[in-house]
Amino acid sequence: MNKKSIEGRVAVCRLFSVLVLILTFAATGCKTQQSAEWPATEQAPAHTESIILREGDVLRITFQGNPNLDTTQPIRRDGNIALSMVGEVKAVGLTPADLEKKLIGLYKTQLVGSPEITVAIQTSAFPVFMSGAVLRPGKIMCDHPMTIFEAIMEAGGPDYTKAKLTAVTVIRYEEGHYKKYTVNVKRLLEDKGSDPFYLKSSDAVRVPEKFSWF
């Protein structure tokens, strides 16, 4: 074996070692991050499914049987909305279902019979950051509750020649630290019974590229 062949093999071995180190680091990530696969089991984590009301969300509140109380209004900076008969109500931090229960309790003594109240988000604008194998990476503004698949399509859709849709990552800051979720978007598309993965404000979504030696 000549000298050039030996040097070539040594270079290939060094390159392989560097790649192994990079892949190992990427797999372990930072110690402050927590990982969770989605969907990992049939029962999904509740906090990834819930849509939390935020400042600026415009709510449509409907009172069945009492249409004169129907209202559409934004959640103010103080996190409150103002409603007839009950006054100021804190909405930020609740889900629409939680707010419905809260309003039913407040109006129980104000209306005859059991009040039926529906809370729906009419508009909700928040930023999400897209990167990786999408056609238009960058910041997108979501004006309604948006799933991870919808966000990918808003970013121009995946680059199907490179995108690895089985391992899309979402970096989210919550409970005082960053968490990383791995979402199998391909499985969500193929299985209509799967629960959608809803994004939250300032989520960073990355569509990885398929690994290739060439």
N, C-alpha and C. Protein backbone atom coordinates (compact mmCIF):
# COMPACT_ATOMS: atom_id res chain seq x y z
N MET A 1 0.86 -1.21 0.00
CA MET A 1 0.00 0.00 0.00
C MET A 1 0.89 1.25 0.00
N ASN A 2 0.65 2.16 -0.94
CA ASN A 2 1.51 3.33 -1.04
C ASN A 2 1.12 4.38 0.00
N LYS A 3 1.96 5.38 0.07
CA LYS A 3 1.79 6.43 1.09
C LYS A 3 0.51 7.20 0.89
N LYS A 4 0.12 7.51 -0.37
CA LYS A 4 -1.08 8.29 -0.63
C LYS A 4 -2.33 7.54 -0.20
N SER A 5 -2.34 6.21 -0.43
CA SER A 5 -3.50 5.42 -0.01
C SER A 5 -3.67 5.44 1.50
N ILE A 6 -2.52 5.31 2.22
CA ILE A 6 -2.58 5.35 3.69
C ILE A 6 -3.10 6.69 4.19
N GLU A 7 -2.57 7.77 3.59
CA GLU A 7 -3.02 9.12 4.01
C GLU A 7 -4.50 9.31 3.72
N GLY A 8 -4.96 8.76 2.59
CA GLY A 8 -6.38 8.90 2.25
C GLY A 8 -7.27 8.19 3.25
N ARG A 9 -6.86 6.98 3.67
CA ARG A 9 -7.65 6.25 4.65
C ARG A 9 -7.67 6.94 6.00
N VAL A 10 -6.55 7.51 6.39
CA VAL A 10 -6.47 8.24 7.65
C VAL A 10 -7.42 9.44 7.62
N ALA A 11 -7.46 10.15 6.50
CA ALA A 11 -8.34 11.32 6.38
C ALA A 11 -9.81 10.91 6.49
N VAL A 12 -10.16 9.78 5.84
CA VAL A 12 -11.54 9.30 5.91
C VAL A 12 -11.91 8.93 7.34
N CYS A 13 -10.99 8.27 8.06
CA CYS A 13 -11.25 7.89 9.45
C CYS A 13 -11.46 9.12 10.33
N ARG A 14 -10.63 10.15 10.11
CA ARG A 14 -10.78 11.38 10.90
C ARG A 14 -12.12 12.03 10.63
N LEU A 15 -12.53 12.07 9.33
CA LEU A 15 -13.81 12.67 8.98
C LEU A 15 -14.96 11.92 9.64
N PHE A 16 -14.86 10.57 9.62
CA PHE A 16 -15.90 9.75 10.24
C PHE A 16 -15.99 10.03 11.74
N SER A 17 -14.85 10.19 12.40
CA SER A 17 -14.84 10.46 13.85
C SER A 17 -15.51 11.78 14.16
N VAL A 18 -15.23 12.81 13.33
CA VAL A 18 -15.85 14.13 13.53
C VAL A 18 -17.35 14.04 13.38
N LEU A 19 -17.81 13.30 12.35
CA LEU A 19 -19.25 13.15 12.14
C LEU A 19 -19.91 12.45 13.32
N VAL A 20 -19.26 11.43 13.86
CA VAL A 20 -19.81 10.73 15.03
C VAL A 20 -19.95 11.67 16.21
N LEU A 21 -18.94 12.52 16.45
CA LEU A 21 -19.01 13.48 17.55
C LEU A 21 -20.14 14.47 17.36
N ILE A 22 -20.32 14.96 16.13
CA ILE A 22 -21.39 15.93 15.85
C ILE A 22 -22.75 15.30 16.09
N LEU A 23 -22.94 14.07 15.57
CA LEU A 23 -24.22 13.40 15.74
C LEU A 23 -24.50 13.10 17.21
N THR A 24 -23.46 12.74 17.97
CA THR A 24 -23.63 12.46 19.40
C THR A 24 -24.05 13.70 20.15
N PHE A 25 -23.42 14.83 19.83
CA PHE A 25 -23.77 16.09 20.49
C PHE A 25 -25.19 16.51 20.16
N ALA A 26 -25.55 16.35 18.88
CA ALA A 26 -26.90 16.74 18.47
C ALA A 26 -27.95 15.88 19.16
N ALA A 27 -27.61 14.60 19.37
CA ALA A 27 -28.58 13.71 20.01
C ALA A 27 -28.77 14.02 21.48
N THR A 28 -27.68 14.38 22.18
CA THR A 28 -27.77 14.66 23.62
C THR A 28 -28.31 16.05 23.89
N GLY A 29 -27.89 17.05 23.10
CA GLY A 29 -28.37 18.42 23.27
C GLY A 29 -27.89 19.04 24.56
N CYS A 30 -28.45 20.21 24.90
CA CYS A 30 -28.07 20.92 26.13
C CYS A 30 -28.75 20.27 27.32
N LYS A 31 -28.13 20.33 28.48
CA LYS A 31 -28.68 19.72 29.68
C LYS A 31 -29.92 20.42 30.16
N THR A 32 -30.11 21.69 29.78
CA THR A 32 -31.27 22.44 30.24
C THR A 32 -32.50 22.12 29.43
N GLN A 33 -32.36 21.33 28.35
CA GLN A 33 -33.50 21.02 27.52
C GLN A 33 -34.08 19.68 27.93
N GLN A 34 -35.41 19.56 27.75
CA GLN A 34 -36.08 18.30 27.97
C GLN A 34 -36.66 17.85 26.64
N SER A 35 -36.60 16.56 26.37
CA SER A 35 -37.09 16.04 25.11
C SER A 35 -38.34 15.22 25.32
N ALA A 36 -39.20 15.25 24.32
CA ALA A 36 -40.41 14.44 24.34
C ALA A 36 -40.80 14.14 22.90
N GLU A 37 -41.10 12.88 22.63
CA GLU A 37 -41.50 12.51 21.28
C GLU A 37 -43.00 12.66 21.15
N TRP A 38 -43.43 13.16 19.99
CA TRP A 38 -44.86 13.38 19.76
C TRP A 38 -45.21 12.85 18.38
N PRO A 39 -46.26 12.04 18.19
CA PRO A 39 -46.93 11.38 19.29
C PRO A 39 -46.15 10.15 19.72
N ALA A 40 -45.88 10.02 21.00
CA ALA A 40 -45.09 8.91 21.51
C ALA A 40 -46.00 7.78 21.98
N THR A 41 -47.11 8.13 22.58
CA THR A 41 -48.05 7.13 23.06
C THR A 41 -49.44 7.53 22.61
N GLU A 42 -50.42 6.69 22.89
CA GLU A 42 -51.78 7.01 22.50
C GLU A 42 -52.32 8.18 23.30
N GLN A 43 -51.82 8.35 24.53
CA GLN A 43 -52.27 9.44 25.38
C GLN A 43 -51.23 10.55 25.33
N ALA A 44 -51.57 11.67 24.72
CA ALA A 44 -50.61 12.75 24.50
C ALA A 44 -50.55 13.67 25.70
N PRO A 45 -49.40 14.36 25.90
CA PRO A 45 -49.29 15.33 26.99
C PRO A 45 -50.33 16.44 26.84
N ALA A 46 -51.02 16.73 27.92
CA ALA A 46 -52.12 17.70 27.84
C ALA A 46 -51.64 19.08 27.46
N HIS A 47 -50.44 19.48 27.93
CA HIS A 47 -50.01 20.86 27.70
C HIS A 47 -49.68 21.14 26.25
N THR A 48 -49.46 20.12 25.41
CA THR A 48 -49.19 20.35 24.01
C THR A 48 -50.48 20.45 23.20
N GLU A 49 -51.59 19.96 23.77
CA GLU A 49 -52.85 20.01 23.06
C GLU A 49 -53.64 21.27 23.38
N SER A 50 -53.47 21.80 24.57
CA SER A 50 -54.27 22.91 25.03
C SER A 50 -53.91 24.21 24.30
N ILE A 51 -54.92 24.98 23.99
CA ILE A 51 -54.72 26.30 23.41
C ILE A 51 -54.92 27.31 24.53
N ILE A 52 -53.86 27.98 24.92
CA ILE A 52 -53.92 28.91 26.04
C ILE A 52 -54.22 30.31 25.53
N LEU A 53 -55.18 30.96 26.16
CA LEU A 53 -55.55 32.32 25.77
C LEU A 53 -54.46 33.30 26.18
N ARG A 54 -54.20 34.27 25.26
CA ARG A 54 -53.14 35.24 25.49
C ARG A 54 -53.66 36.65 25.24
N GLU A 55 -52.88 37.60 25.70
CA GLU A 55 -53.17 39.02 25.44
C GLU A 55 -53.27 39.25 23.94
N GLY A 56 -54.31 39.96 23.51
CA GLY A 56 -54.48 40.26 22.09
C GLY A 56 -55.40 39.30 21.36
N ASP A 57 -55.65 38.12 21.93
CA ASP A 57 -56.60 37.19 21.31
C ASP A 57 -57.99 37.83 21.27
N VAL A 58 -58.66 37.69 20.13
CA VAL A 58 -60.03 38.21 20.01
C VAL A 58 -60.99 37.04 20.23
N LEU A 59 -61.85 37.19 21.23
CA LEU A 59 -62.77 36.12 21.61
C LEU A 59 -64.19 36.42 21.15
N ARG A 60 -64.87 35.38 20.71
CA ARG A 60 -66.30 35.47 20.40
C ARG A 60 -67.03 34.65 21.46
N ILE A 61 -67.81 35.33 22.28
CA ILE A 61 -68.51 34.68 23.39
C ILE A 61 -70.00 34.68 23.10
N THR A 62 -70.58 33.49 23.06
CA THR A 62 -71.98 33.33 22.67
C THR A 62 -72.79 32.76 23.84
N PHE A 63 -73.92 33.39 24.11
CA PHE A 63 -74.82 32.95 25.17
C PHE A 63 -76.08 32.36 24.53
N GLN A 64 -76.19 31.05 24.54
CA GLN A 64 -77.36 30.42 23.96
C GLN A 64 -78.59 30.73 24.81
N GLY A 65 -79.62 31.24 24.15
CA GLY A 65 -80.83 31.64 24.85
C GLY A 65 -80.81 33.07 25.32
N ASN A 66 -79.63 33.72 25.30
CA ASN A 66 -79.51 35.13 25.70
C ASN A 66 -78.61 35.86 24.70
N PRO A 67 -79.04 35.97 23.44
CA PRO A 67 -78.19 36.56 22.40
C PRO A 67 -77.83 38.02 22.65
N ASN A 68 -78.60 38.70 23.50
CA ASN A 68 -78.30 40.10 23.82
C ASN A 68 -76.98 40.24 24.57
N LEU A 69 -76.49 39.13 25.15
CA LEU A 69 -75.22 39.17 25.88
C LEU A 69 -74.03 38.77 25.00
N ASP A 70 -74.30 38.32 23.79
CA ASP A 70 -73.21 37.91 22.89
C ASP A 70 -72.23 39.06 22.68
N THR A 71 -70.94 38.74 22.64
CA THR A 71 -69.93 39.79 22.48
C THR A 71 -68.69 39.25 21.78
N THR A 72 -68.00 40.14 21.08
CA THR A 72 -66.71 39.83 20.47
C THR A 72 -65.75 40.92 20.89
N GLN A 73 -64.67 40.54 21.57
CA GLN A 73 -63.73 41.55 22.06
C GLN A 73 -62.35 40.93 22.29
N PRO A 74 -61.31 41.78 22.23
CA PRO A 74 -59.95 41.29 22.47
C PRO A 74 -59.64 41.19 23.96
N ILE A 75 -58.71 40.32 24.29
CA ILE A 75 -58.19 40.28 25.66
C ILE A 75 -57.22 41.45 25.81
N ARG A 76 -57.47 42.31 26.79
CA ARG A 76 -56.66 43.51 26.98
C ARG A 76 -55.28 43.17 27.54
N ARG A 77 -54.43 44.19 27.62
CA ARG A 77 -53.07 44.01 28.13
C ARG A 77 -53.03 43.53 29.57
N ASP A 78 -54.07 43.87 30.34
CA ASP A 78 -54.12 43.40 31.73
C ASP A 78 -54.63 41.96 31.83
N GLY A 79 -54.94 41.36 30.67
CA GLY A 79 -55.39 39.97 30.66
C GLY A 79 -56.88 39.78 30.86
N ASN A 80 -57.63 40.89 30.95
CA ASN A 80 -59.06 40.81 31.24
C ASN A 80 -59.93 41.09 30.03
N ILE A 81 -61.20 40.67 30.15
CA ILE A 81 -62.26 41.09 29.25
C ILE A 81 -63.38 41.65 30.13
N ALA A 82 -64.23 42.48 29.54
CA ALA A 82 -65.33 43.09 30.30
C ALA A 82 -66.65 42.57 29.75
N LEU A 83 -67.46 41.99 30.64
CA LEU A 83 -68.71 41.39 30.22
C LEU A 83 -69.90 42.00 30.97
N SER A 84 -71.04 42.05 30.28
CA SER A 84 -72.25 42.57 30.91
C SER A 84 -72.63 41.73 32.12
N MET A 85 -73.09 42.39 33.15
CA MET A 85 -73.63 41.78 34.36
C MET A 85 -72.58 41.25 35.33
N VAL A 86 -71.40 40.86 34.84
CA VAL A 86 -70.39 40.31 35.76
C VAL A 86 -69.12 41.15 35.81
N GLY A 87 -68.96 42.08 34.87
CA GLY A 87 -67.81 42.97 34.90
C GLY A 87 -66.52 42.36 34.38
N GLU A 88 -65.39 42.65 35.05
CA GLU A 88 -64.07 42.23 34.61
C GLU A 88 -63.85 40.73 34.88
N VAL A 89 -63.33 40.05 33.87
CA VAL A 89 -63.05 38.61 33.99
C VAL A 89 -61.65 38.33 33.46
N LYS A 90 -60.84 37.66 34.25
CA LYS A 90 -59.48 37.29 33.83
C LYS A 90 -59.55 36.14 32.83
N ALA A 91 -58.94 36.35 31.65
CA ALA A 91 -58.99 35.33 30.60
C ALA A 91 -57.62 34.76 30.25
N VAL A 92 -56.56 35.57 30.41
CA VAL A 92 -55.22 35.12 30.04
C VAL A 92 -54.81 33.91 30.88
N GLY A 93 -54.20 32.93 30.23
CA GLY A 93 -53.72 31.75 30.93
C GLY A 93 -54.71 30.61 30.98
N LEU A 94 -55.96 30.87 30.57
CA LEU A 94 -56.97 29.82 30.56
C LEU A 94 -57.11 29.25 29.15
N THR A 95 -57.66 28.05 29.06
CA THR A 95 -58.06 27.52 27.76
C THR A 95 -59.47 28.02 27.49
N PRO A 96 -59.94 27.99 26.23
CA PRO A 96 -61.33 28.39 25.96
C PRO A 96 -62.32 27.57 26.79
N ALA A 97 -62.05 26.29 26.97
CA ALA A 97 -62.96 25.45 27.77
C ALA A 97 -62.96 25.89 29.23
N ASP A 98 -61.78 26.25 29.75
CA ASP A 98 -61.70 26.72 31.14
C ASP A 98 -62.48 28.02 31.32
N LEU A 99 -62.36 28.92 30.33
CA LEU A 99 -63.07 30.19 30.42
C LEU A 99 -64.58 29.96 30.34
N GLU A 100 -65.00 29.03 29.52
CA GLU A 100 -66.43 28.70 29.44
C GLU A 100 -66.95 28.28 30.82
N LYS A 101 -66.22 27.39 31.49
CA LYS A 101 -66.64 26.92 32.82
C LYS A 101 -66.69 28.07 33.82
N LYS A 102 -65.67 28.96 33.70
CA LYS A 102 -65.61 30.11 34.62
C LYS A 102 -66.82 31.02 34.42
N LEU A 103 -67.16 31.28 33.15
CA LEU A 103 -68.29 32.16 32.85
C LEU A 103 -69.61 31.52 33.25
N ILE A 104 -69.74 30.23 33.05
CA ILE A 104 -70.97 29.54 33.47
C ILE A 104 -71.17 29.69 34.98
N GLY A 105 -70.06 29.59 35.74
CA GLY A 105 -70.16 29.77 37.17
C GLY A 105 -70.54 31.19 37.56
N LEU A 106 -69.98 32.18 36.85
CA LEU A 106 -70.28 33.58 37.16
C LEU A 106 -71.72 33.95 36.81
N TYR A 107 -72.22 33.41 35.69
CA TYR A 107 -73.56 33.77 35.24
C TYR A 107 -74.65 32.87 35.84
N LYS A 108 -74.26 31.89 36.62
CA LYS A 108 -75.23 30.97 37.19
C LYS A 108 -76.23 31.68 38.08
N THR A 109 -75.75 32.72 38.78
CA THR A 109 -76.64 33.47 39.68
C THR A 109 -77.28 34.67 38.98
N GLN A 110 -76.86 34.95 37.74
CA GLN A 110 -77.37 36.11 37.02
C GLN A 110 -78.48 35.75 36.03
N LEU A 111 -78.44 34.51 35.52
CA LEU A 111 -79.41 34.09 34.51
C LEU A 111 -80.29 32.98 35.05
N VAL A 112 -81.50 32.91 34.51
CA VAL A 112 -82.44 31.87 34.91
C VAL A 112 -82.05 30.55 34.24
N GLY A 113 -82.05 29.47 35.00
CA GLY A 113 -81.68 28.18 34.45
C GLY A 113 -80.17 28.03 34.35
N SER A 114 -79.74 26.95 33.71
CA SER A 114 -78.31 26.70 33.53
C SER A 114 -77.84 27.38 32.26
N PRO A 115 -76.97 28.39 32.37
CA PRO A 115 -76.51 29.10 31.17
C PRO A 115 -75.62 28.23 30.29
N GLU A 116 -75.80 28.36 28.99
CA GLU A 116 -74.95 27.68 28.02
C GLU A 116 -74.12 28.73 27.31
N ILE A 117 -72.80 28.68 27.54
CA ILE A 117 -71.90 29.72 27.03
C ILE A 117 -70.79 29.06 26.21
N THR A 118 -70.52 29.64 25.04
CA THR A 118 -69.47 29.12 24.17
C THR A 118 -68.41 30.20 23.96
N VAL A 119 -67.14 29.81 24.11
CA VAL A 119 -66.01 30.73 23.89
C VAL A 119 -65.21 30.22 22.69
N ALA A 120 -65.04 31.07 21.71
CA ALA A 120 -64.25 30.70 20.52
C ALA A 120 -63.23 31.79 20.24
N ILE A 121 -62.05 31.38 19.79
CA ILE A 121 -61.02 32.34 19.40
C ILE A 121 -61.28 32.77 17.97
N GLN A 122 -61.55 34.05 17.78
CA GLN A 122 -61.82 34.56 16.43
C GLN A 122 -60.52 34.86 15.71
N THR A 123 -59.60 35.55 16.37
CA THR A 123 -58.27 35.78 15.80
C THR A 123 -57.24 35.70 16.92
N SER A 124 -56.05 35.24 16.55
CA SER A 124 -54.97 35.12 17.52
C SER A 124 -53.65 35.22 16.76
N ALA A 125 -52.94 36.31 16.92
CA ALA A 125 -51.69 36.52 16.18
C ALA A 125 -50.49 36.32 17.10
N PHE A 126 -49.59 35.40 16.70
CA PHE A 126 -48.37 35.18 17.47
C PHE A 126 -47.29 34.67 16.53
N PRO A 127 -46.01 34.93 16.86
CA PRO A 127 -44.92 34.54 15.95
C PRO A 127 -44.46 33.10 16.17
N VAL A 128 -44.07 32.47 15.07
CA VAL A 128 -43.43 31.16 15.09
C VAL A 128 -42.24 31.23 14.13
N PHE A 129 -41.14 30.61 14.50
CA PHE A 129 -39.91 30.71 13.71
C PHE A 129 -39.61 29.37 13.05
N MET A 130 -39.50 29.40 11.70
CA MET A 130 -39.32 28.19 10.92
C MET A 130 -37.90 28.14 10.35
N SER A 131 -37.30 26.95 10.39
CA SER A 131 -35.96 26.77 9.82
C SER A 131 -35.83 25.35 9.28
N GLY A 132 -34.71 25.11 8.60
CA GLY A 132 -34.46 23.78 8.07
C GLY A 132 -34.98 23.61 6.66
N ALA A 133 -35.45 22.41 6.36
CA ALA A 133 -35.83 22.05 4.99
C ALA A 133 -37.26 22.47 4.66
N VAL A 134 -37.50 23.80 4.72
CA VAL A 134 -38.74 24.39 4.24
C VAL A 134 -38.38 25.40 3.16
N LEU A 135 -39.35 25.71 2.30
CA LEU A 135 -39.03 26.58 1.16
C LEU A 135 -38.85 28.04 1.54
N ARG A 136 -39.54 28.49 2.61
CA ARG A 136 -39.41 29.89 3.03
C ARG A 136 -39.14 29.95 4.53
N PRO A 137 -37.92 29.69 4.96
CA PRO A 137 -37.61 29.77 6.40
C PRO A 137 -37.71 31.21 6.90
N GLY A 138 -37.96 31.36 8.19
CA GLY A 138 -38.06 32.68 8.80
C GLY A 138 -39.24 32.76 9.74
N LYS A 139 -39.63 33.98 10.09
CA LYS A 139 -40.74 34.18 11.04
C LYS A 139 -42.06 34.21 10.29
N ILE A 140 -43.04 33.51 10.81
CA ILE A 140 -44.40 33.61 10.29
C ILE A 140 -45.31 34.06 11.43
N MET A 141 -46.36 34.78 11.08
CA MET A 141 -47.32 35.23 12.07
C MET A 141 -48.58 34.39 11.96
N CYS A 142 -48.95 33.77 13.06
CA CYS A 142 -50.13 32.91 13.09
C CYS A 142 -51.32 33.75 13.59
N ASP A 143 -52.38 33.82 12.79
CA ASP A 143 -53.53 34.61 13.19
C ASP A 143 -54.69 33.74 13.68
N HIS A 144 -54.41 32.45 13.92
CA HIS A 144 -55.39 31.54 14.48
C HIS A 144 -54.63 30.37 15.10
N PRO A 145 -55.27 29.58 15.96
CA PRO A 145 -54.58 28.42 16.52
C PRO A 145 -54.03 27.55 15.38
N MET A 146 -52.72 27.34 15.37
CA MET A 146 -52.08 26.70 14.22
C MET A 146 -51.35 25.43 14.62
N THR A 147 -51.53 24.39 13.82
CA THR A 147 -50.82 23.14 14.04
C THR A 147 -49.45 23.21 13.39
N ILE A 148 -48.59 22.27 13.75
CA ILE A 148 -47.23 22.27 13.19
C ILE A 148 -47.26 22.06 11.68
N PHE A 149 -48.17 21.23 11.19
CA PHE A 149 -48.26 21.02 9.74
C PHE A 149 -48.69 22.29 9.02
N GLU A 150 -49.67 23.01 9.59
CA GLU A 150 -50.11 24.27 8.98
C GLU A 150 -48.96 25.27 8.92
N ALA A 151 -48.15 25.32 9.98
CA ALA A 151 -47.02 26.25 10.00
C ALA A 151 -45.99 25.90 8.93
N ILE A 152 -45.74 24.62 8.74
CA ILE A 152 -44.80 24.19 7.69
C ILE A 152 -45.31 24.62 6.32
N MET A 153 -46.61 24.49 6.09
CA MET A 153 -47.18 24.91 4.80
C MET A 153 -47.15 26.42 4.64
N GLU A 154 -47.32 27.17 5.75
CA GLU A 154 -47.21 28.63 5.69
C GLU A 154 -45.80 29.05 5.31
N ALA A 155 -44.82 28.22 5.64
CA ALA A 155 -43.43 28.50 5.30
C ALA A 155 -43.08 27.98 3.90
N GLY A 156 -44.07 27.76 3.08
CA GLY A 156 -43.84 27.31 1.70
C GLY A 156 -43.91 25.82 1.52
N GLY A 157 -44.09 25.10 2.62
CA GLY A 157 -44.12 23.65 2.55
C GLY A 157 -42.73 23.06 2.70
N PRO A 158 -42.64 21.77 2.93
CA PRO A 158 -41.33 21.14 3.08
C PRO A 158 -40.62 20.98 1.73
N ASP A 159 -39.31 20.96 1.76
CA ASP A 159 -38.51 20.62 0.59
C ASP A 159 -38.47 19.09 0.54
N TYR A 160 -39.35 18.50 -0.25
CA TYR A 160 -39.52 17.05 -0.23
C TYR A 160 -38.27 16.29 -0.68
N THR A 161 -37.35 16.96 -1.35
CA THR A 161 -36.12 16.28 -1.75
C THR A 161 -35.17 16.11 -0.57
N LYS A 162 -35.37 16.91 0.50
CA LYS A 162 -34.44 16.86 1.63
C LYS A 162 -35.11 16.68 2.98
N ALA A 163 -36.39 17.06 3.11
CA ALA A 163 -37.05 17.11 4.41
C ALA A 163 -37.26 15.74 5.04
N LYS A 164 -36.95 15.66 6.32
CA LYS A 164 -37.20 14.45 7.11
C LYS A 164 -38.40 14.74 8.01
N LEU A 165 -39.60 14.42 7.55
CA LEU A 165 -40.82 14.78 8.25
C LEU A 165 -41.12 13.87 9.44
N THR A 166 -40.32 12.84 9.62
CA THR A 166 -40.55 11.94 10.75
C THR A 166 -39.93 12.44 12.05
N ALA A 167 -39.15 13.51 11.97
CA ALA A 167 -38.44 13.99 13.17
C ALA A 167 -38.33 15.51 13.19
N VAL A 168 -39.46 16.19 13.04
CA VAL A 168 -39.48 17.65 13.10
C VAL A 168 -39.37 18.07 14.56
N THR A 169 -38.50 19.03 14.86
CA THR A 169 -38.29 19.44 16.25
C THR A 169 -38.94 20.79 16.54
N VAL A 170 -39.43 20.92 17.76
CA VAL A 170 -40.02 22.17 18.24
C VAL A 170 -39.32 22.53 19.54
N ILE A 171 -38.71 23.72 19.57
CA ILE A 171 -38.08 24.23 20.79
C ILE A 171 -39.05 25.22 21.41
N ARG A 172 -39.40 24.99 22.66
CA ARG A 172 -40.41 25.82 23.32
C ARG A 172 -39.92 26.20 24.72
N TYR A 173 -40.11 27.47 25.07
CA TYR A 173 -39.76 27.95 26.41
C TYR A 173 -41.00 27.93 27.28
N GLU A 174 -40.98 27.10 28.29
CA GLU A 174 -42.10 27.05 29.22
C GLU A 174 -41.62 26.50 30.56
N GLU A 175 -42.31 26.92 31.60
CA GLU A 175 -41.98 26.51 32.97
C GLU A 175 -40.53 26.83 33.33
N GLY A 176 -40.02 27.95 32.79
CA GLY A 176 -38.70 28.42 33.19
C GLY A 176 -37.52 27.85 32.44
N HIS A 177 -37.75 26.98 31.47
CA HIS A 177 -36.63 26.46 30.70
C HIS A 177 -37.10 25.99 29.33
N TYR A 178 -36.13 25.68 28.47
CA TYR A 178 -36.44 25.24 27.11
C TYR A 178 -36.72 23.74 27.09
N LYS A 179 -37.72 23.38 26.29
CA LYS A 179 -38.04 21.98 26.07
C LYS A 179 -37.99 21.69 24.57
N LYS A 180 -37.57 20.49 24.24
CA LYS A 180 -37.53 20.08 22.84
C LYS A 180 -38.49 18.93 22.62
N TYR A 181 -39.38 19.11 21.62
CA TYR A 181 -40.32 18.07 21.24
C TYR A 181 -39.98 17.58 19.84
N THR A 182 -40.05 16.27 19.66
CA THR A 182 -39.84 15.68 18.35
C THR A 182 -41.19 15.21 17.82
N VAL A 183 -41.60 15.77 16.68
CA VAL A 183 -42.93 15.52 16.14
C VAL A 183 -42.82 14.73 14.84
N ASN A 184 -43.49 13.60 14.77
CA ASN A 184 -43.54 12.79 13.55
C ASN A 184 -44.67 13.33 12.69
N VAL A 185 -44.37 14.35 11.88
CA VAL A 185 -45.40 14.99 11.06
C VAL A 185 -45.93 14.02 10.01
N LYS A 186 -45.06 13.15 9.51
CA LYS A 186 -45.49 12.17 8.51
C LYS A 186 -46.56 11.26 9.08
N ARG A 187 -46.37 10.85 10.33
CA ARG A 187 -47.36 9.98 10.97
C ARG A 187 -48.67 10.72 11.19
N LEU A 188 -48.59 11.99 11.57
CA LEU A 188 -49.80 12.78 11.76
C LEU A 188 -50.60 12.88 10.46
N LEU A 189 -49.89 12.99 9.33
CA LEU A 189 -50.57 13.08 8.04
C LEU A 189 -51.21 11.75 7.64
N GLU A 190 -50.54 10.67 7.94
CA GLU A 190 -51.03 9.36 7.53
C GLU A 190 -52.13 8.83 8.44
N ASP A 191 -52.10 9.20 9.72
CA ASP A 191 -53.06 8.70 10.69
C ASP A 191 -54.04 9.82 11.04
N LYS A 192 -55.22 9.77 10.45
CA LYS A 192 -56.20 10.84 10.67
C LYS A 192 -56.72 10.86 12.10
N GLY A 193 -56.50 9.78 12.84
CA GLY A 193 -56.98 9.73 14.21
C GLY A 193 -56.03 10.36 15.21
N SER A 194 -54.82 10.74 14.77
CA SER A 194 -53.83 11.31 15.69
C SER A 194 -54.23 12.72 16.10
N ASP A 195 -53.91 13.09 17.34
CA ASP A 195 -54.19 14.43 17.82
C ASP A 195 -53.21 15.41 17.19
N PRO A 196 -53.67 16.60 16.80
CA PRO A 196 -52.75 17.58 16.20
C PRO A 196 -51.82 18.18 17.25
N PHE A 197 -50.67 18.64 16.80
CA PHE A 197 -49.71 19.31 17.68
C PHE A 197 -49.85 20.81 17.43
N TYR A 198 -50.42 21.53 18.39
CA TYR A 198 -50.61 22.98 18.24
C TYR A 198 -49.36 23.73 18.71
N LEU A 199 -49.01 24.76 17.96
CA LEU A 199 -47.85 25.58 18.30
C LEU A 199 -48.24 26.68 19.26
N LYS A 200 -47.23 27.18 19.98
CA LYS A 200 -47.43 28.29 20.90
C LYS A 200 -46.54 29.46 20.49
N SER A 201 -46.79 30.60 21.09
CA SER A 201 -46.05 31.81 20.74
C SER A 201 -44.55 31.62 20.89
N SER A 202 -43.80 32.03 19.85
CA SER A 202 -42.33 32.01 19.81
C SER A 202 -41.73 30.61 19.73
N ASP A 203 -42.53 29.61 19.41
CA ASP A 203 -41.97 28.28 19.15
C ASP A 203 -40.99 28.34 17.98
N ALA A 204 -39.90 27.59 18.07
CA ALA A 204 -38.93 27.47 16.98
C ALA A 204 -39.06 26.08 16.38
N VAL A 205 -39.47 26.02 15.12
CA VAL A 205 -39.71 24.74 14.45
C VAL A 205 -38.59 24.51 13.44
N ARG A 206 -38.00 23.32 13.48
CA ARG A 206 -36.95 22.98 12.53
C ARG A 206 -37.29 21.66 11.83
N VAL A 207 -37.34 21.72 10.50
CA VAL A 207 -37.53 20.52 9.70
C VAL A 207 -36.15 20.03 9.28
N PRO A 208 -35.68 18.91 9.83
CA PRO A 208 -34.32 18.45 9.54
C PRO A 208 -34.21 17.89 8.12
N GLU A 209 -32.98 17.78 7.67
CA GLU A 209 -32.73 17.18 6.37
C GLU A 209 -32.41 15.70 6.54
N LYS A 210 -32.76 14.94 5.51
CA LYS A 210 -32.42 13.52 5.52
C LYS A 210 -30.90 13.38 5.49
N PHE A 211 -30.40 12.45 6.29
CA PHE A 211 -28.95 12.26 6.34
C PHE A 211 -28.47 11.53 5.09
N SER A 212 -27.39 12.04 4.53
CA SER A 212 -26.83 11.41 3.33
C SER A 212 -25.32 11.52 3.38
N TRP A 213 -24.65 10.46 2.90
CA TRP A 213 -23.19 10.47 2.83
C TRP A 213 -22.68 11.20 1.60
N PHE A 214 -23.57 11.49 0.67
CA PHE A 214 -23.14 12.07 -0.63
C PHE A 214 -23.72 13.46 -0.80
